[in-house]
N, C-alpha and C. Protein backbone atom coordinates (compact mmCIF):
# COMPACT_ATOMS: atom_id res chain seq x y z
N MET A 1 3.39 -22.34 40.43
CA MET A 1 3.41 -22.26 39.27
C MET A 1 4.46 -23.53 38.13
N GLU A 2 3.87 -24.20 36.86
CA GLU A 2 4.38 -25.08 36.58
C GLU A 2 5.18 -24.00 35.51
N SER A 3 5.91 -24.43 35.11
CA SER A 3 6.60 -23.50 33.41
C SER A 3 5.90 -23.28 32.66
N LEU A 4 6.50 -22.43 32.51
CA LEU A 4 5.92 -21.23 31.54
C LEU A 4 5.83 -22.09 30.21
N LEU A 5 4.43 -22.23 28.91
CA LEU A 5 4.60 -21.59 27.75
C LEU A 5 4.73 -20.12 26.87
N LYS A 6 5.26 -19.94 25.76
CA LYS A 6 4.95 -19.38 24.79
C LYS A 6 3.84 -18.91 25.01
N GLU A 7 2.99 -19.89 24.90
CA GLU A 7 1.87 -19.46 24.48
C GLU A 7 0.67 -18.65 25.70
N ASP A 8 1.42 -19.00 26.71
CA ASP A 8 0.35 -18.58 28.29
C ASP A 8 0.81 -17.22 28.68
N VAL A 9 1.77 -16.72 28.16
CA VAL A 9 1.66 -15.85 27.91
C VAL A 9 1.75 -14.09 26.58
N LYS A 10 1.02 -13.49 26.48
CA LYS A 10 0.37 -12.23 25.48
C LYS A 10 1.05 -11.27 26.48
N LEU A 11 2.44 -10.19 25.62
CA LEU A 11 2.76 -9.33 25.85
C LEU A 11 2.64 -8.58 24.85
N LYS A 12 1.75 -7.51 25.62
CA LYS A 12 1.29 -6.25 24.18
C LYS A 12 2.34 -5.26 23.67
N PRO A 13 1.96 -4.87 21.96
CA PRO A 13 2.95 -4.23 21.79
C PRO A 13 2.37 -2.50 22.08
N PHE A 14 3.31 -1.46 22.01
CA PHE A 14 3.18 -0.84 23.05
C PHE A 14 3.61 0.32 21.49
N ARG A 15 3.89 1.38 21.87
CA ARG A 15 4.11 3.11 21.59
C ARG A 15 4.47 4.27 22.17
N PHE A 16 6.05 4.79 22.06
CA PHE A 16 6.53 5.27 22.77
C PHE A 16 7.46 6.91 22.25
N THR A 17 6.25 7.80 22.62
CA THR A 17 7.25 9.17 22.17
C THR A 17 8.65 9.56 22.82
N ILE A 18 9.39 9.40 22.47
CA ILE A 18 10.81 10.00 23.08
C ILE A 18 10.68 11.33 23.66
N GLU A 19 11.09 12.34 24.80
CA GLU A 19 10.72 13.08 25.05
C GLU A 19 12.30 13.88 25.70
N ARG A 20 12.49 15.23 25.44
CA ARG A 20 13.97 15.34 25.73
C ARG A 20 14.36 15.66 26.95
N GLY A 21 12.15 15.91 27.66
CA GLY A 21 12.73 16.76 29.32
C GLY A 21 12.85 14.75 29.57
N LYS A 22 12.64 13.50 29.17
CA LYS A 22 12.35 12.17 30.23
C LYS A 22 13.95 12.32 29.99
N ILE A 23 14.63 12.13 28.93
CA ILE A 23 16.48 12.10 28.50
C ILE A 23 16.88 12.81 29.40
N LYS A 24 16.97 13.99 29.70
CA LYS A 24 17.27 14.53 31.01
C LYS A 24 17.18 13.72 32.31
N GLU A 25 16.04 13.06 32.59
CA GLU A 25 15.62 13.36 33.86
C GLU A 25 16.30 11.95 34.03
N PHE A 26 16.75 10.91 33.02
CA PHE A 26 17.04 9.75 33.11
C PHE A 26 18.53 9.88 33.24
N ALA A 27 19.46 10.84 32.65
CA ALA A 27 20.44 11.11 32.21
C ALA A 27 21.66 11.85 33.27
N MET A 28 20.02 12.51 34.14
CA MET A 28 20.60 13.39 35.64
C MET A 28 20.27 11.96 37.33
N ALA A 29 19.77 10.65 36.68
CA ALA A 29 19.20 10.56 37.40
C ALA A 29 20.48 9.17 37.78
N ILE A 30 20.91 8.78 36.59
CA ILE A 30 22.31 7.68 36.58
C ILE A 30 23.70 8.82 36.85
N GLY A 31 23.64 10.41 37.04
CA GLY A 31 24.86 10.52 36.88
C GLY A 31 25.81 11.16 35.79
N ASP A 32 24.56 11.11 34.26
CA ASP A 32 25.81 11.54 33.36
C ASP A 32 25.28 12.31 33.14
N ARG A 33 26.84 13.18 32.63
CA ARG A 33 26.85 15.20 32.67
C ARG A 33 27.26 15.35 31.13
N ASN A 34 27.09 14.08 30.09
CA ASN A 34 27.60 14.16 29.80
C ASN A 34 26.11 15.70 28.26
N PRO A 35 26.34 16.93 27.79
CA PRO A 35 26.22 17.67 27.33
C PRO A 35 24.92 17.52 26.20
N ILE A 36 25.35 16.13 25.96
CA ILE A 36 24.61 15.98 24.22
C ILE A 36 23.11 15.46 25.22
N TYR A 37 23.04 14.74 26.15
CA TYR A 37 22.04 14.13 27.17
C TYR A 37 21.05 15.73 27.22
N TYR A 38 21.25 17.44 27.44
CA TYR A 38 20.94 18.56 27.87
C TYR A 38 20.88 19.49 26.99
N ASP A 39 21.83 19.26 26.09
CA ASP A 39 21.49 20.98 25.00
C ASP A 39 20.90 19.75 23.44
N ALA A 40 20.04 20.46 22.72
CA ALA A 40 20.05 19.96 21.63
C ALA A 40 21.03 20.44 20.37
N ASP A 41 21.78 21.86 20.98
CA ASP A 41 22.93 22.13 20.06
C ASP A 41 23.82 22.03 20.31
N ILE A 42 24.40 20.90 21.21
CA ILE A 42 25.23 20.18 21.23
C ILE A 42 24.81 18.64 20.81
N ALA A 43 23.64 18.32 21.56
CA ALA A 43 23.72 16.31 20.39
C ALA A 43 24.36 16.84 19.25
N ARG A 44 23.45 18.43 18.50
CA ARG A 44 23.69 18.51 16.75
C ARG A 44 24.57 18.89 15.97
N LYS A 45 25.61 19.67 17.47
CA LYS A 45 27.29 19.59 16.62
C LYS A 45 28.34 18.49 16.41
N GLU A 46 27.27 17.52 18.02
CA GLU A 46 27.99 15.97 17.49
C GLU A 46 27.71 15.40 16.63
N GLY A 47 26.95 15.68 15.95
CA GLY A 47 26.22 14.94 14.12
C GLY A 47 25.16 13.67 14.98
N TYR A 48 24.21 14.76 16.03
CA TYR A 48 22.84 13.86 16.41
C TYR A 48 21.86 14.42 15.70
N ARG A 49 20.63 13.99 15.02
CA ARG A 49 19.32 14.94 15.10
C ARG A 49 19.28 15.86 16.31
N ASP A 50 19.33 15.02 17.01
CA ASP A 50 17.99 16.15 18.13
C ASP A 50 18.52 14.81 19.28
N ILE A 51 18.57 15.65 20.65
CA ILE A 51 19.59 14.49 21.27
C ILE A 51 19.12 13.34 21.78
N PRO A 52 20.31 12.44 21.37
CA PRO A 52 20.08 10.67 22.28
C PRO A 52 19.84 10.19 22.62
N ILE A 53 19.40 9.58 23.16
CA ILE A 53 18.99 8.61 24.28
C ILE A 53 20.67 7.76 25.28
N PRO A 54 20.13 7.89 26.40
CA PRO A 54 21.93 7.50 26.91
C PRO A 54 21.72 5.82 26.30
N PRO A 55 22.51 4.87 26.49
CA PRO A 55 22.76 3.77 26.38
C PRO A 55 21.70 2.26 27.32
N THR A 56 21.66 2.98 28.22
CA THR A 56 19.95 2.41 29.00
C THR A 56 18.86 2.92 29.09
N PHE A 57 18.62 3.67 28.34
CA PHE A 57 17.21 4.17 28.15
C PHE A 57 16.46 3.28 27.79
N PRO A 58 16.48 2.14 27.51
CA PRO A 58 15.52 1.61 26.64
C PRO A 58 15.12 1.13 27.84
N THR A 59 15.22 0.57 29.45
CA THR A 59 14.75 0.30 30.30
C THR A 59 13.64 1.16 30.54
N ALA A 60 14.28 2.31 30.93
CA ALA A 60 13.05 3.11 30.69
C ALA A 60 11.79 3.34 30.09
N ILE A 61 11.96 3.68 28.64
CA ILE A 61 11.35 3.36 27.68
C ILE A 61 10.15 1.69 28.23
N GLU A 62 11.00 1.13 28.66
CA GLU A 62 9.64 -0.10 29.27
C GLU A 62 9.29 0.22 30.30
N MET A 63 9.48 -0.02 31.19
CA MET A 63 8.76 0.36 31.79
C MET A 63 7.85 2.01 32.20
N TRP A 64 7.99 3.16 31.48
CA TRP A 64 7.06 3.66 30.70
C TRP A 64 6.12 3.32 29.94
N GLY A 65 6.22 2.38 29.47
CA GLY A 65 5.69 2.25 28.02
C GLY A 65 5.00 0.76 28.27
N GLY A 66 4.87 0.65 29.22
CA GLY A 66 4.06 -1.04 29.49
C GLY A 66 4.20 -1.77 30.57
N LEU A 67 5.87 -1.99 30.22
CA LEU A 67 6.30 -3.78 30.86
C LEU A 67 6.78 -2.99 32.43
N ASP A 68 6.05 -2.42 33.29
CA ASP A 68 6.59 -2.25 34.44
C ASP A 68 6.73 -3.08 34.76
N PHE A 69 7.49 -3.09 36.37
CA PHE A 69 7.50 -4.37 36.97
C PHE A 69 6.01 -4.51 38.02
N GLU A 70 5.25 -3.59 37.78
CA GLU A 70 4.04 -4.78 38.20
C GLU A 70 3.37 -5.46 37.81
N THR A 71 3.06 -4.99 36.33
CA THR A 71 2.85 -5.30 35.15
C THR A 71 3.66 -6.93 35.21
N LEU A 72 4.92 -7.46 35.42
CA LEU A 72 5.30 -7.91 34.87
C LEU A 72 5.17 -9.26 36.25
N ILE A 73 5.56 -8.61 36.98
CA ILE A 73 4.78 -9.38 38.14
C ILE A 73 3.35 -9.48 38.41
N SER A 74 2.69 -9.57 37.83
CA SER A 74 1.18 -9.71 37.80
C SER A 74 0.57 -10.68 36.42
N LEU A 75 1.38 -10.51 35.82
CA LEU A 75 1.41 -11.42 34.04
C LEU A 75 2.28 -12.79 34.42
N PHE A 76 3.12 -12.74 34.89
CA PHE A 76 3.37 -14.04 35.37
C PHE A 76 3.83 -15.18 36.75
N GLY A 77 2.53 -14.14 37.46
CA GLY A 77 2.37 -14.64 39.11
C GLY A 77 3.32 -14.97 39.73
N LEU A 78 4.19 -13.67 39.78
CA LEU A 78 5.79 -13.74 40.63
C LEU A 78 5.30 -13.02 41.89
N ASP A 79 6.58 -14.27 43.06
CA ASP A 79 6.57 -12.82 43.91
C ASP A 79 7.61 -12.10 44.14
N PRO A 80 6.77 -10.51 44.26
CA PRO A 80 8.27 -9.56 44.35
C PRO A 80 9.22 -9.68 44.90
N LEU A 81 9.33 -10.42 46.05
CA LEU A 81 10.02 -10.20 47.11
C LEU A 81 11.06 -11.47 46.62
N LYS A 82 10.62 -12.11 45.78
CA LYS A 82 11.91 -13.34 45.11
C LYS A 82 12.58 -12.80 43.87
N VAL A 83 12.50 -12.01 43.62
CA VAL A 83 12.43 -10.85 41.80
C VAL A 83 14.05 -10.75 42.19
N LEU A 84 15.12 -11.13 40.58
CA LEU A 84 16.19 -10.52 40.91
C LEU A 84 16.75 -9.93 39.66
N HIS A 85 16.94 -9.26 38.89
CA HIS A 85 17.35 -8.81 37.52
C HIS A 85 18.49 -9.54 36.94
N GLY A 86 18.30 -10.47 36.43
CA GLY A 86 18.99 -11.90 35.67
C GLY A 86 19.73 -11.05 34.78
N GLY A 87 19.32 -9.89 33.70
CA GLY A 87 20.60 -9.54 33.83
C GLY A 87 19.61 -8.63 32.71
N GLN A 88 19.98 -7.75 31.28
CA GLN A 88 19.86 -7.30 30.54
C GLN A 88 20.76 -7.03 28.93
N GLU A 89 20.61 -6.78 27.65
CA GLU A 89 21.15 -6.74 27.48
C GLU A 89 20.66 -5.43 25.47
N TYR A 90 21.14 -4.78 24.82
CA TYR A 90 20.48 -4.08 23.92
C TYR A 90 21.47 -4.17 22.81
N ARG A 91 20.76 -4.58 21.56
CA ARG A 91 21.68 -3.93 20.43
C ARG A 91 21.26 -2.99 19.57
N TYR A 92 21.49 -1.89 19.21
CA TYR A 92 20.95 -0.96 18.31
C TYR A 92 22.09 -1.21 16.81
N MET A 93 20.51 -0.45 16.35
CA MET A 93 20.68 -0.81 14.76
C MET A 93 20.32 0.39 14.41
N GLY A 94 20.30 1.27 15.04
CA GLY A 94 19.60 2.65 14.00
C GLY A 94 19.93 3.74 15.67
N GLU A 95 19.95 5.42 15.19
CA GLU A 95 19.86 6.08 16.14
C GLU A 95 18.46 6.43 17.50
N LEU A 96 18.12 6.73 18.11
CA LEU A 96 17.36 7.27 18.85
C LEU A 96 17.10 8.50 19.68
N CYS A 97 16.33 8.99 18.92
CA CYS A 97 16.40 10.45 20.31
C CYS A 97 15.08 11.25 20.13
N ALA A 98 15.43 12.41 21.15
CA ALA A 98 14.08 12.84 21.23
C ALA A 98 13.10 13.41 20.05
N GLY A 99 12.43 13.43 20.08
CA GLY A 99 10.86 13.00 18.74
C GLY A 99 10.49 12.59 18.28
N ASP A 100 11.43 11.11 18.48
CA ASP A 100 11.34 9.72 17.85
C ASP A 100 10.25 9.44 18.57
N THR A 101 9.01 8.49 17.83
CA THR A 101 8.14 7.29 18.18
C THR A 101 7.98 6.41 17.39
N ILE A 102 8.48 5.54 18.56
CA ILE A 102 8.72 4.08 18.45
C ILE A 102 7.61 3.00 19.06
N THR A 103 7.87 1.84 18.05
CA THR A 103 6.40 0.82 18.58
C THR A 103 7.68 0.02 19.17
N ALA A 104 7.28 -1.18 19.57
CA ALA A 104 7.56 -2.29 20.70
C ALA A 104 6.77 -3.32 20.52
N ALA A 105 7.69 -4.82 20.25
CA ALA A 105 6.74 -5.41 20.19
C ALA A 105 7.60 -6.40 21.11
N PRO A 106 6.86 -6.57 22.52
CA PRO A 106 7.65 -7.56 23.12
C PRO A 106 7.41 -8.75 23.20
N GLN A 107 7.87 -10.14 23.09
CA GLN A 107 7.93 -11.70 23.53
C GLN A 107 8.22 -12.53 24.13
N LEU A 108 7.96 -13.12 24.72
CA LEU A 108 7.84 -14.56 26.17
C LEU A 108 9.40 -14.75 25.17
N ILE A 109 10.50 -15.09 25.40
CA ILE A 109 11.67 -15.68 23.97
C ILE A 109 11.79 -16.86 25.44
N SER A 110 12.05 -17.46 26.46
CA SER A 110 11.60 -18.21 27.36
C SER A 110 11.27 -18.16 28.68
N ALA A 111 10.89 -19.27 28.74
CA ALA A 111 10.31 -19.09 30.60
C ALA A 111 11.48 -21.32 30.82
N PHE A 112 11.33 -20.76 31.95
CA PHE A 112 12.00 -22.51 32.73
C PHE A 112 12.81 -22.51 34.09
N GLU A 113 12.21 -23.58 34.86
CA GLU A 113 12.35 -23.35 36.47
C GLU A 113 14.21 -24.32 36.27
N LYS A 114 15.24 -24.11 36.98
CA LYS A 114 16.10 -24.45 37.09
C LYS A 114 16.79 -24.61 38.73
N ARG A 115 17.19 -25.44 39.80
CA ARG A 115 17.46 -25.59 41.13
C ARG A 115 16.42 -24.36 41.51
N ASN A 116 15.70 -25.02 41.47
CA ASN A 116 14.40 -23.45 42.44
C ASN A 116 14.27 -22.22 42.27
N LEU A 117 15.07 -22.31 40.48
CA LEU A 117 15.12 -20.52 40.00
C LEU A 117 13.80 -20.63 39.09
N ARG A 118 13.47 -19.82 38.94
CA ARG A 118 12.36 -19.72 37.56
C ARG A 118 13.19 -18.39 36.84
N PHE A 119 13.35 -18.82 35.58
CA PHE A 119 14.27 -18.30 35.16
C PHE A 119 12.78 -17.19 33.24
N ILE A 120 12.34 -16.07 33.07
CA ILE A 120 11.81 -15.82 32.29
C ILE A 120 12.63 -14.53 31.10
N THR A 121 12.85 -14.40 30.06
CA THR A 121 13.60 -13.81 29.26
C THR A 121 12.82 -13.26 28.57
N ILE A 122 12.59 -12.26 28.07
CA ILE A 122 11.79 -11.60 27.58
C ILE A 122 12.86 -10.36 26.07
N GLY A 123 12.03 -10.55 25.00
CA GLY A 123 12.88 -9.79 23.75
C GLY A 123 11.47 -8.61 23.49
N ILE A 124 12.09 -7.10 23.41
CA ILE A 124 11.24 -6.04 22.73
C ILE A 124 12.69 -5.97 20.79
N HIS A 125 11.33 -5.68 19.91
CA HIS A 125 11.43 -5.85 19.26
C HIS A 125 11.12 -4.36 18.33
N TYR A 126 12.37 -2.80 18.57
CA TYR A 126 11.46 -1.90 18.51
C TYR A 126 12.60 -1.20 17.02
N LYS A 127 11.25 -0.87 16.39
CA LYS A 127 10.56 -0.20 15.46
C LYS A 127 11.01 1.73 15.09
N ASN A 128 10.85 2.15 13.71
CA ASN A 128 10.91 3.87 14.38
C ASN A 128 9.44 4.02 13.41
N SER A 129 9.80 5.39 13.22
CA SER A 129 8.23 5.77 12.88
C SER A 129 8.17 5.59 11.03
N GLU A 130 8.99 4.72 10.56
CA GLU A 130 9.23 4.42 9.22
C GLU A 130 9.49 2.89 9.34
N GLY A 131 9.24 1.99 10.37
CA GLY A 131 9.28 0.64 10.28
C GLY A 131 10.57 0.08 10.10
N ILE A 132 11.47 0.72 10.57
CA ILE A 132 12.82 0.10 10.46
C ILE A 132 13.62 -0.21 11.80
N LYS A 133 13.93 -1.07 11.70
CA LYS A 133 14.40 -1.79 13.49
C LYS A 133 14.83 -0.91 13.29
N VAL A 134 15.36 -0.76 14.81
CA VAL A 134 16.67 0.58 15.06
C VAL A 134 17.23 0.04 16.96
N LEU A 135 16.18 -1.06 17.21
CA LEU A 135 16.44 -2.03 18.86
C LEU A 135 16.38 -3.27 18.73
N TYR A 136 16.97 -3.79 19.40
CA TYR A 136 16.20 -5.38 19.95
C TYR A 136 17.16 -5.38 21.66
N SER A 137 16.16 -5.62 22.68
CA SER A 137 16.27 -5.32 23.95
C SER A 137 16.04 -6.83 24.21
N GLU A 138 16.70 -7.64 25.09
CA GLU A 138 17.17 -8.86 25.84
C GLU A 138 16.68 -8.60 27.45
N SER A 139 15.87 -8.79 28.06
CA SER A 139 15.99 -9.35 29.51
C SER A 139 15.70 -10.30 30.15
N THR A 140 16.63 -10.53 31.44
CA THR A 140 16.37 -12.00 31.60
C THR A 140 15.49 -11.71 33.11
N ILE A 141 14.71 -12.06 33.68
CA ILE A 141 14.18 -12.25 35.47
C ILE A 141 14.24 -13.52 36.10
N ILE A 142 14.41 -13.83 37.50
CA ILE A 142 15.16 -14.42 38.04
C ILE A 142 13.94 -14.23 39.14
N GLU A 143 13.71 -15.60 38.96
CA GLU A 143 12.26 -15.46 40.29
C GLU A 143 13.15 -16.81 41.49
N ARG A 144 13.42 -16.87 42.85
CA ARG A 144 13.64 -17.82 43.51
C ARG A 144 12.68 -18.25 44.46
N ARG A 145 12.67 -19.82 44.18
CA ARG A 145 11.80 -20.91 44.59
C ARG A 145 12.14 -21.43 45.25
N GLY A 146 11.01 -22.34 46.14
CA GLY A 146 11.27 -22.98 46.89
C GLY A 146 10.66 -22.81 48.47
N THR A 147 11.54 -23.60 49.57
CA THR A 147 10.67 -23.69 50.87
C THR A 147 11.57 -21.97 50.93
N GLU A 148 10.79 -21.82 52.01
CA GLU A 148 11.50 -20.20 53.32
C GLU A 148 12.03 -20.68 54.04
C-alpha cells in the first residue's frame, strides 16, 4: 500500500457511556486496587462526582466504542502479525466519571513510511455531554513492512 493521505481514511465519531462496572473491570485487569475505582462513596469522599476513570482507561473506551483492533486492521489494510503499538498519550482537560456520556471524534493525524516501517497516528478529541473538551488521546500504530 502506498503512503496514506488524510482523505483516504474516514474515522467515524462515536459516543460512549462510562459505566461503573467497566471501570471496576479495568482496574481489576491492571491490578489497581485504589478504592476510588470500586466504591462511589469513597470516590465522592475523595472529591470526585462518582467513580473516576483510571488514567489509561481511554484505550478501553476506544476499543469498546468503535476503534477496536480489527477495525483498525481493516481500515488501514494492516497485517495484524506485523503490528506494534508505537505509543499512547493522554491529555486530560476535565474529569471523567461513571455515568458520563462522551463523544469521541477520531482523526488521522499522520501516516507515513520510513525504513520499512509504516507509522499511523490517530488523535481523538473527547467532549462531555455539555460539549466541553475533557480529553485528547493520541496513539501510534507501527507496521513492520518489507520482505520476510
